[in-house]
């Protein structure tokens, strides 16, 4: 099963042995991937069925499908907002697109989240807030934190 902004069946493109692990939902066939049909539901339907409530964090790693999953989560997140959303985004780094133009980023800002790039080193993680004037943050991992909780993060830049 997969999550998106609408329910139904989609093709999940299973990569060949040369791929580093991406398996996108797509109606188009990419590379030499072998598609299989999978059941798809909205993230709202998925979370509502599991009655996720209280304090929770969401991780979204959906190979470029973040905006679709985000749209599918909006109604649920507005009723039951997660403390944080952890996600991956690579288009700004490898495809030359501006991170600040991504729909998922814009949705998070509109729903009062602040977005931080997660920069990793051998000994620690560093969170750096992504600003609109930085279209290409030097990271592929991000965490969006409800604005009201940012003070609990400790030192961030």
N, C-alpha and C. Protein backbone atom coordinates (compact mmCIF):
# COMPACT_ATOMS: atom_id res chain seq x y z
N UNK A 1 0.83 -1.16 0.00
CA UNK A 1 0.00 0.00 0.00
C UNK A 1 0.89 1.24 0.00
N UNK A 2 0.40 2.31 -0.61
CA UNK A 2 1.14 3.57 -0.67
C UNK A 2 0.20 4.72 -0.31
N UNK A 3 0.79 5.89 -0.01
CA UNK A 3 0.01 7.07 0.35
C UNK A 3 0.18 8.15 -0.71
N UNK A 4 -0.91 8.90 -0.94
CA UNK A 4 -0.86 10.00 -1.89
C UNK A 4 -1.97 10.99 -1.54
N UNK A 5 -2.37 11.80 -2.51
CA UNK A 5 -3.44 12.77 -2.28
C UNK A 5 -4.78 12.27 -2.82
N UNK A 6 -4.81 11.05 -3.33
CA UNK A 6 -6.07 10.44 -3.76
C UNK A 6 -5.95 8.93 -3.63
N UNK A 7 -7.08 8.29 -3.54
CA UNK A 7 -7.14 6.83 -3.39
C UNK A 7 -7.26 6.16 -4.76
N UNK A 8 -6.93 4.90 -4.80
CA UNK A 8 -7.05 4.13 -6.03
C UNK A 8 -5.91 3.14 -6.15
N UNK A 9 -5.45 2.92 -7.36
CA UNK A 9 -4.31 2.05 -7.63
C UNK A 9 -3.33 2.82 -8.51
N UNK A 10 -2.04 2.74 -8.17
CA UNK A 10 -0.99 3.41 -8.93
C UNK A 10 0.06 2.35 -9.27
N UNK A 11 0.92 2.71 -10.21
CA UNK A 11 2.07 1.87 -10.50
C UNK A 11 3.20 2.27 -9.57
N UNK A 12 3.76 1.30 -8.86
CA UNK A 12 4.96 1.50 -8.07
C UNK A 12 6.09 0.93 -8.92
N UNK A 13 7.05 1.78 -9.25
CA UNK A 13 8.12 1.37 -10.14
C UNK A 13 9.27 0.77 -9.34
N UNK A 14 9.40 -0.53 -9.41
CA UNK A 14 10.45 -1.25 -8.69
C UNK A 14 11.74 -1.14 -9.50
N UNK A 15 12.80 -0.60 -8.90
CA UNK A 15 14.04 -0.39 -9.67
C UNK A 15 14.77 -1.68 -9.98
N UNK A 16 15.62 -1.59 -11.00
CA UNK A 16 16.47 -2.73 -11.29
C UNK A 16 17.62 -2.78 -10.29
N UNK A 17 18.49 -3.73 -10.41
CA UNK A 17 19.57 -3.94 -9.43
C UNK A 17 20.60 -2.82 -9.40
N UNK A 18 20.63 -1.93 -10.38
CA UNK A 18 21.58 -0.83 -10.40
C UNK A 18 21.10 0.40 -9.66
N UNK A 19 19.87 0.41 -9.20
CA UNK A 19 19.28 1.56 -8.54
C UNK A 19 19.68 1.59 -7.07
N UNK A 20 19.77 2.79 -6.51
CA UNK A 20 20.18 2.94 -5.11
C UNK A 20 19.02 2.88 -4.13
N UNK A 21 17.85 2.49 -4.55
CA UNK A 21 16.77 2.29 -3.61
C UNK A 21 15.51 3.08 -3.86
N UNK A 22 15.45 3.90 -4.88
CA UNK A 22 14.23 4.64 -5.11
C UNK A 22 13.20 3.74 -5.78
N UNK A 23 11.97 3.87 -5.34
CA UNK A 23 10.86 3.14 -5.94
C UNK A 23 9.68 4.10 -5.99
N UNK A 24 9.62 4.95 -7.02
CA UNK A 24 8.59 5.99 -7.06
C UNK A 24 7.23 5.49 -7.51
N UNK A 25 6.20 6.20 -7.05
CA UNK A 25 4.86 6.03 -7.60
C UNK A 25 4.80 6.85 -8.86
N UNK A 26 4.41 6.24 -9.94
CA UNK A 26 4.36 6.99 -11.18
C UNK A 26 3.49 6.27 -12.17
N UNK A 27 2.81 7.02 -12.98
CA UNK A 27 2.08 6.43 -14.09
C UNK A 27 2.99 6.27 -15.30
N UNK A 28 4.16 6.88 -15.22
CA UNK A 28 5.15 6.75 -16.29
C UNK A 28 6.18 5.71 -15.87
N UNK A 29 6.72 5.00 -16.80
CA UNK A 29 7.73 4.00 -16.52
C UNK A 29 9.08 4.68 -16.55
N UNK A 30 9.82 4.54 -15.50
CA UNK A 30 11.12 5.21 -15.42
C UNK A 30 12.24 4.21 -15.56
N UNK A 31 13.23 4.60 -16.35
CA UNK A 31 14.42 3.76 -16.53
C UNK A 31 14.02 2.35 -16.93
N UNK A 32 14.59 1.39 -16.23
CA UNK A 32 14.27 -0.01 -16.50
C UNK A 32 13.48 -0.62 -15.35
N UNK A 33 12.78 0.21 -14.61
CA UNK A 33 12.02 -0.28 -13.46
C UNK A 33 10.87 -1.18 -13.90
N UNK A 34 10.52 -2.08 -13.03
CA UNK A 34 9.41 -2.99 -13.26
C UNK A 34 8.22 -2.54 -12.41
N UNK A 35 7.17 -2.02 -13.02
CA UNK A 35 6.05 -1.52 -12.23
C UNK A 35 5.14 -2.64 -11.71
N UNK A 36 4.61 -2.39 -10.52
CA UNK A 36 3.57 -3.26 -9.98
C UNK A 36 2.44 -2.35 -9.50
N UNK A 37 1.23 -2.80 -9.61
CA UNK A 37 0.09 -2.02 -9.18
C UNK A 37 -0.05 -2.15 -7.66
N UNK A 38 -0.20 -1.02 -6.97
CA UNK A 38 -0.37 -1.04 -5.52
C UNK A 38 -1.60 -0.22 -5.15
N UNK A 39 -2.24 -0.62 -4.06
CA UNK A 39 -3.37 0.13 -3.52
C UNK A 39 -2.84 1.44 -2.94
N UNK A 40 -3.53 2.53 -3.20
CA UNK A 40 -3.14 3.84 -2.71
C UNK A 40 -4.31 4.44 -1.94
N UNK A 41 -4.00 5.05 -0.81
CA UNK A 41 -5.02 5.78 -0.05
C UNK A 41 -4.43 7.12 0.36
N UNK A 42 -5.31 8.04 0.72
CA UNK A 42 -4.80 9.33 1.18
C UNK A 42 -4.17 9.14 2.56
N UNK A 43 -3.22 9.98 2.85
CA UNK A 43 -2.59 9.93 4.17
C UNK A 43 -3.62 10.20 5.25
N UNK A 44 -4.60 11.06 4.96
CA UNK A 44 -5.69 11.34 5.90
C UNK A 44 -6.44 10.05 6.23
N UNK A 45 -6.82 9.30 5.21
CA UNK A 45 -7.53 8.03 5.43
C UNK A 45 -6.69 7.07 6.26
N UNK A 46 -5.41 6.98 5.94
CA UNK A 46 -4.51 6.07 6.63
C UNK A 46 -4.39 6.43 8.11
N UNK A 47 -4.13 7.70 8.39
CA UNK A 47 -3.96 8.13 9.79
C UNK A 47 -5.28 8.06 10.57
N UNK A 48 -6.37 8.43 9.94
CA UNK A 48 -7.68 8.38 10.60
C UNK A 48 -8.04 6.94 10.96
N UNK A 49 -7.77 6.00 10.08
CA UNK A 49 -8.08 4.59 10.34
C UNK A 49 -7.27 4.06 11.53
N UNK A 50 -6.09 4.61 11.75
CA UNK A 50 -5.24 4.16 12.86
C UNK A 50 -5.42 4.99 14.11
N UNK A 51 -6.25 6.02 14.01
CA UNK A 51 -6.57 6.90 15.13
C UNK A 51 -5.32 7.45 15.81
N UNK A 52 -4.38 7.93 14.99
CA UNK A 52 -3.17 8.54 15.50
C UNK A 52 -3.56 9.85 16.18
N UNK A 53 -3.27 9.98 17.45
CA UNK A 53 -3.65 11.16 18.23
C UNK A 53 -2.50 11.52 19.17
N UNK A 54 -2.66 12.63 19.85
CA UNK A 54 -1.69 13.04 20.85
C UNK A 54 -0.39 13.49 20.23
N UNK A 55 0.70 13.24 20.92
CA UNK A 55 2.03 13.66 20.48
C UNK A 55 2.59 12.60 19.53
N UNK A 56 2.89 13.03 18.31
CA UNK A 56 3.48 12.11 17.36
C UNK A 56 4.33 12.87 16.36
N UNK A 57 5.22 12.14 15.70
CA UNK A 57 6.11 12.67 14.67
C UNK A 57 5.89 11.82 13.43
N UNK A 58 5.98 12.43 12.26
CA UNK A 58 5.78 11.72 10.99
C UNK A 58 7.08 11.76 10.20
N UNK A 59 7.41 10.64 9.57
CA UNK A 59 8.55 10.60 8.63
C UNK A 59 7.99 10.30 7.25
N UNK A 60 8.37 11.15 6.29
CA UNK A 60 7.91 10.98 4.92
C UNK A 60 9.15 10.88 4.02
N UNK A 61 9.30 9.74 3.36
CA UNK A 61 10.40 9.53 2.42
C UNK A 61 9.78 8.83 1.21
N UNK A 62 9.33 9.63 0.26
CA UNK A 62 8.48 9.10 -0.81
C UNK A 62 8.97 9.44 -2.22
N UNK A 63 10.26 9.64 -2.36
CA UNK A 63 10.91 9.76 -3.67
C UNK A 63 10.22 10.76 -4.60
N UNK A 64 10.12 12.01 -4.14
CA UNK A 64 9.56 13.06 -4.98
C UNK A 64 8.05 13.20 -4.92
N UNK A 65 7.40 12.39 -4.12
CA UNK A 65 5.93 12.41 -4.02
C UNK A 65 5.47 13.19 -2.78
N UNK A 66 6.39 13.98 -2.18
CA UNK A 66 6.10 14.67 -0.92
C UNK A 66 4.89 15.59 -1.01
N UNK A 67 4.78 16.35 -2.07
CA UNK A 67 3.65 17.28 -2.18
C UNK A 67 2.32 16.53 -2.24
N UNK A 68 2.30 15.40 -2.95
CA UNK A 68 1.07 14.60 -3.02
C UNK A 68 0.69 14.07 -1.65
N UNK A 69 1.66 13.50 -0.95
CA UNK A 69 1.39 12.98 0.40
C UNK A 69 0.98 14.13 1.31
N UNK A 70 1.67 15.28 1.19
CA UNK A 70 1.34 16.45 2.00
C UNK A 70 -0.10 16.90 1.80
N UNK A 71 -0.53 16.97 0.53
CA UNK A 71 -1.92 17.35 0.26
C UNK A 71 -2.88 16.34 0.87
N UNK A 72 -2.50 15.06 0.84
CA UNK A 72 -3.34 14.02 1.42
C UNK A 72 -3.39 14.05 2.94
N UNK A 73 -2.41 14.70 3.57
CA UNK A 73 -2.33 14.81 5.03
C UNK A 73 -2.98 16.06 5.59
N UNK A 74 -3.16 17.08 4.76
CA UNK A 74 -3.54 18.41 5.25
C UNK A 74 -4.71 18.39 6.22
N UNK A 75 -5.81 17.77 5.84
CA UNK A 75 -7.00 17.78 6.70
C UNK A 75 -6.71 17.12 8.04
N UNK A 76 -6.00 16.01 8.02
CA UNK A 76 -5.69 15.31 9.27
C UNK A 76 -4.72 16.12 10.13
N UNK A 77 -3.68 16.64 9.50
CA UNK A 77 -2.68 17.41 10.24
C UNK A 77 -3.29 18.67 10.86
N UNK A 78 -4.27 19.26 10.20
CA UNK A 78 -4.90 20.46 10.76
C UNK A 78 -5.75 20.12 11.97
N UNK A 79 -6.32 18.93 12.01
CA UNK A 79 -7.09 18.49 13.19
C UNK A 79 -6.17 17.96 14.29
N UNK A 80 -5.12 17.25 13.90
CA UNK A 80 -4.21 16.58 14.83
C UNK A 80 -2.77 16.84 14.39
N UNK A 81 -2.24 18.04 14.62
CA UNK A 81 -0.91 18.36 14.08
C UNK A 81 0.22 17.56 14.74
N UNK A 82 1.10 16.99 13.93
CA UNK A 82 2.26 16.32 14.51
C UNK A 82 3.23 17.34 15.09
N UNK A 83 4.04 16.89 16.05
CA UNK A 83 5.06 17.78 16.61
C UNK A 83 6.09 18.13 15.55
N UNK A 84 6.40 17.17 14.71
CA UNK A 84 7.41 17.38 13.67
C UNK A 84 7.16 16.44 12.51
N UNK A 85 7.71 16.83 11.36
CA UNK A 85 7.64 16.02 10.15
C UNK A 85 9.05 15.92 9.61
N UNK A 86 9.55 14.72 9.50
CA UNK A 86 10.89 14.46 8.99
C UNK A 86 10.72 14.03 7.53
N UNK A 87 11.50 14.63 6.63
CA UNK A 87 11.34 14.27 5.23
C UNK A 87 12.65 14.46 4.48
N UNK A 88 12.69 13.84 3.31
CA UNK A 88 13.85 13.94 2.42
C UNK A 88 13.42 14.73 1.19
N UNK A 89 14.32 15.52 0.65
CA UNK A 89 14.06 16.26 -0.58
C UNK A 89 15.38 16.42 -1.32
N UNK A 90 15.39 16.06 -2.58
CA UNK A 90 16.65 16.08 -3.33
C UNK A 90 16.63 16.95 -4.58
N UNK A 91 15.48 17.40 -5.04
CA UNK A 91 15.37 18.14 -6.30
C UNK A 91 16.23 19.39 -6.35
N UNK A 92 16.36 20.08 -5.22
CA UNK A 92 17.16 21.31 -5.18
C UNK A 92 18.65 21.01 -5.30
N UNK A 93 19.04 19.82 -4.93
CA UNK A 93 20.46 19.47 -4.92
C UNK A 93 20.91 18.81 -6.22
N UNK A 94 20.07 17.96 -6.77
CA UNK A 94 20.48 17.17 -7.93
C UNK A 94 19.78 17.57 -9.23
N UNK A 95 18.69 18.32 -9.14
CA UNK A 95 17.94 18.66 -10.34
C UNK A 95 17.88 20.17 -10.58
N UNK A 96 18.56 20.96 -9.74
CA UNK A 96 18.62 22.40 -9.94
C UNK A 96 17.35 23.17 -9.61
N UNK A 97 16.37 22.53 -8.99
CA UNK A 97 15.14 23.23 -8.63
C UNK A 97 15.32 23.94 -7.30
N UNK A 98 14.58 25.02 -7.10
CA UNK A 98 14.67 25.77 -5.84
C UNK A 98 13.86 25.06 -4.76
N UNK A 99 14.49 24.83 -3.62
CA UNK A 99 13.81 24.21 -2.49
C UNK A 99 12.63 25.08 -2.05
N UNK A 100 12.84 26.40 -2.03
CA UNK A 100 11.80 27.32 -1.56
C UNK A 100 10.58 27.36 -2.48
N UNK A 101 10.69 26.81 -3.69
CA UNK A 101 9.55 26.74 -4.60
C UNK A 101 8.76 25.45 -4.45
N UNK A 102 9.27 24.51 -3.69
CA UNK A 102 8.58 23.22 -3.54
C UNK A 102 7.25 23.41 -2.83
N UNK A 103 6.23 22.79 -3.36
CA UNK A 103 4.89 22.89 -2.77
C UNK A 103 4.87 22.39 -1.33
N UNK A 104 5.58 21.29 -1.06
CA UNK A 104 5.59 20.74 0.30
C UNK A 104 6.15 21.75 1.30
N UNK A 105 7.21 22.46 0.92
CA UNK A 105 7.80 23.48 1.79
C UNK A 105 6.79 24.60 2.05
N UNK A 106 6.13 25.04 1.02
CA UNK A 106 5.14 26.12 1.14
C UNK A 106 3.97 25.69 2.03
N UNK A 107 3.53 24.44 1.90
CA UNK A 107 2.44 23.94 2.74
C UNK A 107 2.84 23.94 4.21
N UNK A 108 4.06 23.53 4.49
CA UNK A 108 4.54 23.50 5.87
C UNK A 108 4.58 24.90 6.47
N UNK A 109 5.10 25.87 5.72
CA UNK A 109 5.15 27.24 6.21
C UNK A 109 3.74 27.78 6.47
N UNK A 110 2.82 27.49 5.57
CA UNK A 110 1.44 27.98 5.71
C UNK A 110 0.77 27.38 6.95
N UNK A 111 1.16 26.17 7.33
CA UNK A 111 0.58 25.53 8.50
C UNK A 111 1.40 25.75 9.76
N UNK A 112 2.21 26.80 9.76
CA UNK A 112 2.96 27.25 10.93
C UNK A 112 4.03 26.27 11.41
N UNK A 113 4.72 25.69 10.45
CA UNK A 113 5.90 24.89 10.75
C UNK A 113 7.13 25.69 10.31
N UNK A 114 8.23 25.46 11.00
CA UNK A 114 9.52 26.00 10.57
C UNK A 114 10.35 24.82 10.10
N UNK A 115 11.06 25.02 9.00
CA UNK A 115 11.77 23.93 8.35
C UNK A 115 13.27 24.08 8.57
N UNK A 116 13.90 22.99 8.97
CA UNK A 116 15.33 22.97 9.24
C UNK A 116 16.03 21.90 8.39
N UNK A 117 17.15 22.27 7.81
CA UNK A 117 18.00 21.31 7.12
C UNK A 117 18.76 20.53 8.19
N UNK A 118 18.86 19.22 8.00
CA UNK A 118 19.60 18.37 8.92
C UNK A 118 20.95 18.10 8.28
N UNK A 119 21.98 18.68 8.86
CA UNK A 119 23.33 18.48 8.35
C UNK A 119 24.05 17.52 9.29
N UNK A 120 24.58 16.47 8.70
CA UNK A 120 25.19 15.40 9.49
C UNK A 120 26.70 15.45 9.40
N UNK A 121 27.33 15.18 10.53
CA UNK A 121 28.77 14.99 10.53
C UNK A 121 29.04 13.72 11.33
N UNK A 122 30.27 13.38 11.44
CA UNK A 122 30.63 12.15 12.14
C UNK A 122 30.19 12.16 13.61
N UNK A 123 30.19 13.34 14.24
CA UNK A 123 29.94 13.40 15.67
C UNK A 123 28.63 14.04 16.09
N UNK A 124 27.94 14.71 15.15
CA UNK A 124 26.70 15.35 15.57
C UNK A 124 25.81 15.70 14.39
N UNK A 125 24.58 16.06 14.72
CA UNK A 125 23.65 16.61 13.75
C UNK A 125 23.54 18.09 14.00
N UNK A 126 23.41 18.85 12.94
CA UNK A 126 23.24 20.29 13.07
C UNK A 126 21.97 20.67 12.32
N UNK A 127 21.10 21.43 12.97
CA UNK A 127 19.88 21.92 12.34
C UNK A 127 20.09 23.37 11.95
N UNK A 128 19.83 23.68 10.69
CA UNK A 128 19.93 25.04 10.19
C UNK A 128 18.60 25.40 9.55
N UNK A 129 17.99 26.47 10.01
CA UNK A 129 16.68 26.84 9.48
C UNK A 129 16.79 27.23 8.01
N UNK A 130 15.87 26.71 7.22
CA UNK A 130 15.80 27.03 5.80
C UNK A 130 15.01 28.33 5.65
N UNK A 131 15.62 29.28 4.98
CA UNK A 131 14.97 30.57 4.75
C UNK A 131 14.65 30.70 3.26
N UNK A 132 13.66 31.52 2.95
CA UNK A 132 13.26 31.71 1.55
C UNK A 132 14.39 32.22 0.67
N UNK A 133 15.32 32.95 1.24
CA UNK A 133 16.41 33.49 0.42
C UNK A 133 17.54 32.48 0.22
N UNK A 134 17.37 31.24 0.69
CA UNK A 134 18.35 30.18 0.46
C UNK A 134 17.67 29.08 -0.35
N UNK A 135 17.65 29.22 -1.68
CA UNK A 135 16.91 28.26 -2.49
C UNK A 135 17.56 26.89 -2.61
N UNK A 136 18.83 26.75 -2.18
CA UNK A 136 19.53 25.48 -2.32
C UNK A 136 20.23 25.10 -1.02
N UNK A 137 19.48 24.74 0.02
CA UNK A 137 20.14 24.34 1.27
C UNK A 137 21.04 23.13 1.04
N UNK A 138 22.14 23.09 1.77
CA UNK A 138 23.13 22.04 1.60
C UNK A 138 22.74 20.81 2.43
N UNK A 139 21.62 20.21 2.08
CA UNK A 139 21.14 19.02 2.79
C UNK A 139 20.09 18.33 1.92
N UNK A 140 19.84 17.08 2.22
CA UNK A 140 18.74 16.37 1.59
C UNK A 140 17.74 15.86 2.64
N UNK A 141 18.10 15.98 3.91
CA UNK A 141 17.21 15.60 5.00
C UNK A 141 16.75 16.85 5.74
N UNK A 142 15.46 16.86 6.10
CA UNK A 142 14.87 18.04 6.71
C UNK A 142 13.93 17.63 7.84
N UNK A 143 13.72 18.55 8.75
CA UNK A 143 12.71 18.36 9.79
C UNK A 143 11.91 19.65 9.88
N UNK A 144 10.59 19.51 9.84
CA UNK A 144 9.68 20.64 10.02
C UNK A 144 9.11 20.52 11.43
N UNK A 145 9.24 21.58 12.20
CA UNK A 145 8.82 21.58 13.60
C UNK A 145 7.73 22.64 13.78
N UNK A 146 6.69 22.29 14.51
CA UNK A 146 5.66 23.29 14.79
C UNK A 146 6.32 24.51 15.41
N UNK A 147 5.97 25.67 14.93
CA UNK A 147 6.61 26.92 15.38
C UNK A 147 6.59 27.05 16.90
N UNK A 148 5.51 26.64 17.52
CA UNK A 148 5.38 26.76 18.97
C UNK A 148 6.36 25.88 19.74
N UNK A 149 6.97 24.91 19.07
CA UNK A 149 7.88 23.98 19.74
C UNK A 149 9.36 24.22 19.42
N UNK A 150 9.65 25.15 18.54
CA UNK A 150 11.04 25.35 18.10
C UNK A 150 11.95 25.69 19.27
N UNK A 151 11.47 26.43 20.25
CA UNK A 151 12.29 26.79 21.41
C UNK A 151 12.81 25.58 22.18
N UNK A 152 12.15 24.44 22.06
CA UNK A 152 12.57 23.23 22.77
C UNK A 152 13.71 22.50 22.07
N UNK A 153 14.06 22.94 20.87
CA UNK A 153 15.10 22.24 20.12
C UNK A 153 16.50 22.48 20.66
N UNK A 154 16.66 23.51 21.45
CA UNK A 154 18.01 23.84 21.90
C UNK A 154 18.67 24.73 20.88
N UNK A 155 19.96 24.54 20.68
CA UNK A 155 20.70 25.43 19.77
C UNK A 155 20.49 25.01 18.32
N UNK A 156 19.93 25.91 17.54
CA UNK A 156 19.83 25.73 16.10
C UNK A 156 20.29 27.03 15.46
N UNK A 157 20.74 26.94 14.22
CA UNK A 157 21.19 28.14 13.53
C UNK A 157 20.25 28.49 12.40
